[in-house]
N, C-alpha and C. Protein backbone atom coordinates (compact mmCIF):
# COMPACT_ATOMS: atom_id res chain seq x y z
N MET A 1 183.13 38.62 -59.17
CA MET A 1 182.90 39.96 -58.72
C MET A 1 182.47 40.00 -57.28
N ARG A 2 183.18 40.93 -56.45
CA ARG A 2 182.86 41.08 -55.09
C ARG A 2 181.52 41.71 -54.81
N ARG A 3 180.75 41.32 -53.94
CA ARG A 3 179.49 42.00 -53.65
C ARG A 3 179.86 42.97 -52.62
N LYS A 4 179.01 44.20 -52.73
CA LYS A 4 179.27 45.21 -51.85
C LYS A 4 178.36 44.90 -50.53
N PRO A 5 179.03 45.03 -49.39
CA PRO A 5 178.46 44.69 -48.12
C PRO A 5 177.21 45.56 -47.86
N ALA A 6 176.24 44.92 -47.19
CA ALA A 6 175.07 45.76 -46.79
C ALA A 6 175.36 46.83 -45.62
N TRP A 7 174.48 47.70 -45.56
CA TRP A 7 174.85 48.85 -44.63
C TRP A 7 175.01 48.22 -43.20
N LYS A 8 174.25 47.26 -42.85
CA LYS A 8 174.24 46.67 -41.56
C LYS A 8 175.59 45.98 -41.37
N GLU A 9 176.19 45.38 -42.32
CA GLU A 9 177.47 44.70 -42.12
C GLU A 9 178.49 45.89 -42.07
N ARG A 10 178.57 46.87 -42.80
CA ARG A 10 179.38 47.89 -42.73
C ARG A 10 179.33 48.56 -41.38
N TRP A 11 178.17 48.89 -40.86
CA TRP A 11 177.94 49.50 -39.63
C TRP A 11 178.55 48.68 -38.47
N SER A 12 178.31 47.45 -38.38
CA SER A 12 178.91 46.76 -37.22
C SER A 12 180.36 46.64 -37.43
N SER A 13 180.94 46.70 -38.57
CA SER A 13 182.47 46.65 -38.65
C SER A 13 183.12 47.80 -38.46
N LEU A 14 182.45 48.94 -38.49
CA LEU A 14 183.10 50.24 -38.31
C LEU A 14 183.20 50.67 -36.98
N PHE A 15 182.32 50.15 -35.91
CA PHE A 15 182.31 50.63 -34.71
C PHE A 15 182.44 49.39 -33.81
N ALA A 16 182.95 49.63 -32.50
CA ALA A 16 183.01 48.55 -31.61
C ALA A 16 181.59 48.21 -31.21
N THR A 17 181.16 47.04 -31.22
CA THR A 17 179.83 46.43 -30.86
C THR A 17 179.80 45.40 -30.07
N VAL A 18 178.59 45.26 -29.32
CA VAL A 18 178.30 44.10 -28.45
C VAL A 18 176.94 43.56 -28.83
N PHE A 19 176.62 42.43 -28.38
CA PHE A 19 175.42 41.91 -28.53
C PHE A 19 174.51 42.11 -27.30
N PRO A 20 173.19 42.21 -27.23
CA PRO A 20 172.35 42.48 -26.13
C PRO A 20 172.62 41.42 -24.90
N THR A 21 172.90 40.34 -25.23
CA THR A 21 173.20 39.21 -24.24
C THR A 21 174.52 39.35 -23.71
N ASP A 22 175.56 40.16 -24.08
CA ASP A 22 176.87 40.30 -23.59
C ASP A 22 176.71 40.83 -22.14
N THR A 23 177.66 40.48 -21.32
CA THR A 23 177.41 41.09 -19.94
C THR A 23 178.08 42.53 -19.95
N LEU A 24 177.82 43.20 -18.84
CA LEU A 24 178.33 44.51 -18.61
C LEU A 24 179.86 44.53 -18.52
N LEU A 25 180.33 43.56 -17.82
CA LEU A 25 181.72 43.23 -17.78
C LEU A 25 182.53 43.16 -19.13
N ALA A 26 181.91 42.44 -20.05
CA ALA A 26 182.35 42.14 -21.40
C ALA A 26 182.32 43.42 -22.16
N ALA A 27 181.31 44.21 -21.92
CA ALA A 27 181.13 45.45 -22.52
C ALA A 27 182.22 46.46 -22.24
N LEU A 28 182.44 46.48 -20.93
CA LEU A 28 183.48 47.41 -20.35
C LEU A 28 184.86 46.99 -20.85
N ARG A 29 185.23 45.82 -20.84
CA ARG A 29 186.51 45.16 -21.34
C ARG A 29 186.54 45.70 -22.94
N LYS A 30 185.50 45.49 -23.56
CA LYS A 30 185.64 45.99 -25.10
C LYS A 30 185.87 47.54 -25.34
N MET A 31 185.23 48.14 -24.45
CA MET A 31 185.45 49.69 -24.35
C MET A 31 186.95 50.03 -24.16
N GLU A 32 187.50 49.31 -23.08
CA GLU A 32 188.98 49.48 -22.68
C GLU A 32 189.89 49.20 -23.83
N ARG A 33 189.58 47.95 -24.41
CA ARG A 33 190.31 47.39 -25.66
C ARG A 33 190.28 48.38 -26.69
N HIS A 34 189.22 49.01 -27.07
CA HIS A 34 189.01 49.82 -28.32
C HIS A 34 189.14 51.39 -27.95
N GLN A 35 189.40 51.62 -26.69
CA GLN A 35 189.57 53.04 -26.17
C GLN A 35 188.41 53.81 -26.58
N VAL A 36 187.12 53.47 -26.29
CA VAL A 36 185.95 54.14 -26.71
C VAL A 36 185.11 54.15 -25.49
N ARG A 37 183.97 55.05 -25.48
CA ARG A 37 183.12 55.21 -24.26
C ARG A 37 181.68 54.81 -24.63
N LEU A 38 181.41 54.42 -25.87
CA LEU A 38 180.16 54.32 -26.42
C LEU A 38 180.28 52.93 -27.37
N LEU A 39 179.36 52.05 -27.18
CA LEU A 39 179.49 50.84 -28.03
C LEU A 39 178.06 50.76 -28.70
N GLY A 40 177.97 50.38 -29.95
CA GLY A 40 176.78 49.93 -30.62
C GLY A 40 176.38 48.61 -30.12
N VAL A 41 174.96 48.39 -29.91
CA VAL A 41 174.46 47.17 -29.59
C VAL A 41 173.73 46.63 -30.81
N VAL A 42 174.02 45.38 -31.35
CA VAL A 42 173.69 44.97 -32.47
C VAL A 42 173.09 43.61 -32.30
N GLY A 43 171.96 43.32 -33.09
CA GLY A 43 171.29 42.13 -33.07
C GLY A 43 172.04 41.04 -34.13
N GLU A 44 171.63 39.87 -34.13
CA GLU A 44 172.33 38.93 -34.95
C GLU A 44 172.39 39.20 -36.39
N GLY A 45 171.67 40.03 -36.91
CA GLY A 45 171.78 40.25 -38.43
C GLY A 45 172.63 41.54 -38.58
N GLY A 46 173.15 42.06 -37.44
CA GLY A 46 174.15 43.30 -37.56
C GLY A 46 173.36 44.57 -37.56
N GLY A 47 172.04 44.56 -37.35
CA GLY A 47 171.21 45.90 -37.42
C GLY A 47 171.55 46.51 -35.89
N LEU A 48 171.40 47.73 -35.81
CA LEU A 48 171.72 48.56 -34.68
C LEU A 48 170.40 48.47 -33.69
N LEU A 49 170.52 47.91 -32.59
CA LEU A 49 169.28 47.95 -31.52
C LEU A 49 169.49 48.97 -30.74
N GLY A 50 170.63 49.59 -30.39
CA GLY A 50 170.68 50.63 -29.32
C GLY A 50 172.16 50.91 -29.06
N LEU A 51 172.48 51.68 -28.10
CA LEU A 51 173.69 52.09 -27.68
C LEU A 51 173.88 51.91 -26.20
N VAL A 52 175.18 51.54 -25.81
CA VAL A 52 175.51 51.57 -24.44
C VAL A 52 176.72 52.40 -24.06
N SER A 53 176.60 53.17 -23.14
CA SER A 53 177.69 54.04 -22.75
C SER A 53 178.41 53.59 -21.49
N GLU A 54 179.70 54.02 -21.38
CA GLU A 54 180.42 53.73 -20.16
C GLU A 54 179.55 54.29 -18.90
N GLU A 55 178.93 55.31 -19.06
CA GLU A 55 178.19 55.82 -17.87
C GLU A 55 177.00 54.83 -17.61
N HIS A 56 176.30 54.22 -18.57
CA HIS A 56 175.18 53.26 -18.33
C HIS A 56 175.74 52.12 -17.49
N ILE A 57 176.93 51.60 -18.09
CA ILE A 57 177.57 50.43 -17.37
C ILE A 57 177.93 50.73 -15.89
N LEU A 58 178.50 51.80 -15.65
CA LEU A 58 179.10 52.11 -14.39
C LEU A 58 177.78 52.31 -13.45
N ALA A 59 176.67 52.97 -13.87
CA ALA A 59 175.60 53.25 -13.09
C ALA A 59 174.92 51.91 -12.58
N ALA A 60 174.94 50.74 -13.47
CA ALA A 60 174.36 49.50 -13.13
C ALA A 60 175.39 48.45 -12.61
N TRP A 61 176.67 48.90 -12.48
CA TRP A 61 177.75 47.94 -12.03
C TRP A 61 177.46 47.42 -10.59
N ARG A 62 177.12 48.19 -9.64
CA ARG A 62 176.80 47.60 -8.23
C ARG A 62 175.70 46.59 -8.32
N GLY A 63 174.58 46.68 -9.19
CA GLY A 63 173.70 45.69 -9.22
C GLY A 63 174.24 44.39 -9.51
N ASP A 64 174.93 44.20 -10.70
CA ASP A 64 175.47 42.99 -11.18
C ASP A 64 176.34 43.13 -12.48
N PRO A 65 177.68 43.07 -12.34
CA PRO A 65 178.53 43.29 -13.40
C PRO A 65 178.27 42.18 -14.49
N LEU A 66 177.63 41.08 -14.18
CA LEU A 66 177.36 40.03 -15.21
C LEU A 66 175.87 40.04 -15.79
N ALA A 67 175.23 41.21 -15.64
CA ALA A 67 173.95 41.47 -16.13
C ALA A 67 174.11 41.75 -17.51
N PRO A 68 173.17 41.48 -18.41
CA PRO A 68 173.14 41.66 -19.90
C PRO A 68 173.15 43.19 -20.19
N VAL A 69 173.73 43.50 -21.25
CA VAL A 69 173.88 44.84 -21.78
C VAL A 69 172.32 45.36 -22.00
N SER A 70 171.48 44.47 -22.51
CA SER A 70 170.24 44.79 -22.75
C SER A 70 169.32 45.46 -21.79
N GLY A 71 169.75 45.19 -20.58
CA GLY A 71 169.04 45.90 -19.47
C GLY A 71 169.46 47.39 -19.31
N VAL A 72 170.55 47.80 -19.82
CA VAL A 72 170.84 49.30 -19.55
C VAL A 72 171.11 49.97 -20.85
N MET A 73 170.98 49.51 -21.98
CA MET A 73 171.26 50.18 -23.19
C MET A 73 170.17 51.09 -23.60
N ALA A 74 170.46 52.19 -24.28
CA ALA A 74 169.49 53.02 -24.74
C ALA A 74 168.99 52.54 -26.11
N ARG A 75 167.87 52.16 -26.34
CA ARG A 75 167.23 51.69 -27.58
C ARG A 75 167.14 52.49 -28.68
N ALA A 76 167.61 51.99 -29.84
CA ALA A 76 167.37 52.93 -31.15
C ALA A 76 166.01 52.94 -31.51
N GLY A 77 165.54 54.11 -31.85
CA GLY A 77 164.02 54.29 -32.37
C GLY A 77 163.93 53.89 -33.94
N ALA A 78 162.72 53.84 -34.23
CA ALA A 78 162.55 53.77 -35.71
C ALA A 78 163.12 54.76 -36.56
N PRO A 79 163.87 54.60 -37.61
CA PRO A 79 164.56 55.63 -38.45
C PRO A 79 163.53 56.54 -38.73
N GLY A 80 163.93 57.82 -38.72
CA GLY A 80 163.11 58.98 -39.23
C GLY A 80 161.83 59.23 -38.53
N LYS A 81 161.33 58.38 -37.58
CA LYS A 81 160.11 58.69 -36.87
C LYS A 81 160.12 59.88 -36.11
N ALA A 82 161.21 60.03 -35.27
CA ALA A 82 161.32 61.18 -34.35
C ALA A 82 161.47 62.39 -35.04
N ARG A 83 162.33 62.43 -36.05
CA ARG A 83 162.49 63.57 -36.94
C ARG A 83 161.25 64.09 -37.76
N ALA A 84 160.47 63.13 -38.06
CA ALA A 84 159.26 63.40 -38.76
C ALA A 84 158.18 64.12 -37.79
N GLY A 85 158.20 63.57 -36.51
CA GLY A 85 157.26 64.16 -35.50
C GLY A 85 157.88 65.64 -35.24
N ALA A 86 158.93 65.81 -35.08
CA ALA A 86 159.61 67.14 -34.63
C ALA A 86 159.31 68.16 -35.85
N ARG A 87 159.44 67.71 -37.08
CA ARG A 87 159.21 68.49 -38.25
C ARG A 87 157.76 68.95 -38.44
N ARG A 88 156.81 67.98 -37.96
CA ARG A 88 155.34 68.17 -38.08
C ARG A 88 155.01 69.27 -37.11
N SER A 89 155.47 69.12 -35.85
CA SER A 89 155.26 70.07 -34.61
C SER A 89 155.80 71.44 -35.05
N ARG A 90 157.05 71.63 -35.67
CA ARG A 90 157.47 72.88 -36.07
C ARG A 90 156.45 73.53 -37.01
N LEU A 91 156.01 72.74 -38.05
CA LEU A 91 155.18 73.08 -39.15
C LEU A 91 153.85 73.57 -38.57
N GLN A 92 153.14 72.85 -37.61
CA GLN A 92 151.90 73.33 -36.85
C GLN A 92 152.03 74.46 -36.27
N GLY A 93 153.26 74.61 -35.57
CA GLY A 93 153.44 75.83 -34.65
C GLY A 93 153.89 77.22 -35.43
N ALA A 94 154.16 76.93 -36.69
CA ALA A 94 154.73 78.07 -37.56
C ALA A 94 153.54 79.03 -37.79
N GLN A 95 153.69 80.27 -37.59
CA GLN A 95 152.77 81.33 -37.87
C GLN A 95 152.93 81.91 -39.39
N PRO A 96 151.82 82.36 -39.97
CA PRO A 96 151.92 82.77 -41.25
C PRO A 96 152.86 84.09 -41.11
N HIS A 97 153.41 84.46 -42.31
CA HIS A 97 154.46 85.65 -42.49
C HIS A 97 153.54 86.89 -42.01
N GLY A 98 154.05 87.70 -41.16
CA GLY A 98 153.34 88.92 -40.87
C GLY A 98 152.28 88.85 -39.56
N ALA A 99 152.11 87.65 -39.25
CA ALA A 99 151.07 87.39 -38.04
C ALA A 99 151.92 87.58 -36.77
N GLY A 100 151.10 88.06 -35.80
CA GLY A 100 151.75 87.91 -34.51
C GLY A 100 151.56 89.23 -33.80
């Protein structure tokens, strides 16, 4: 019986991804090859660490095209943490019906 792949394995195979240690040059080449402007940055276990865009890469290009992607990627936050905070602030700011 075939086992169902974990979501981390599925995630990294659905999108073009790079490792944080890959260079900006390698990431840009992968973007060109896959015709995308955004890459997922994954760890060794396949978990999403962040995203790197073409804009991130080009902004850092003059510094060093062989710099690691980890220096320019947007890091992924803890799942649900930001949403929970936003929901809490909306609830705290809500006024009772008829007040105002």
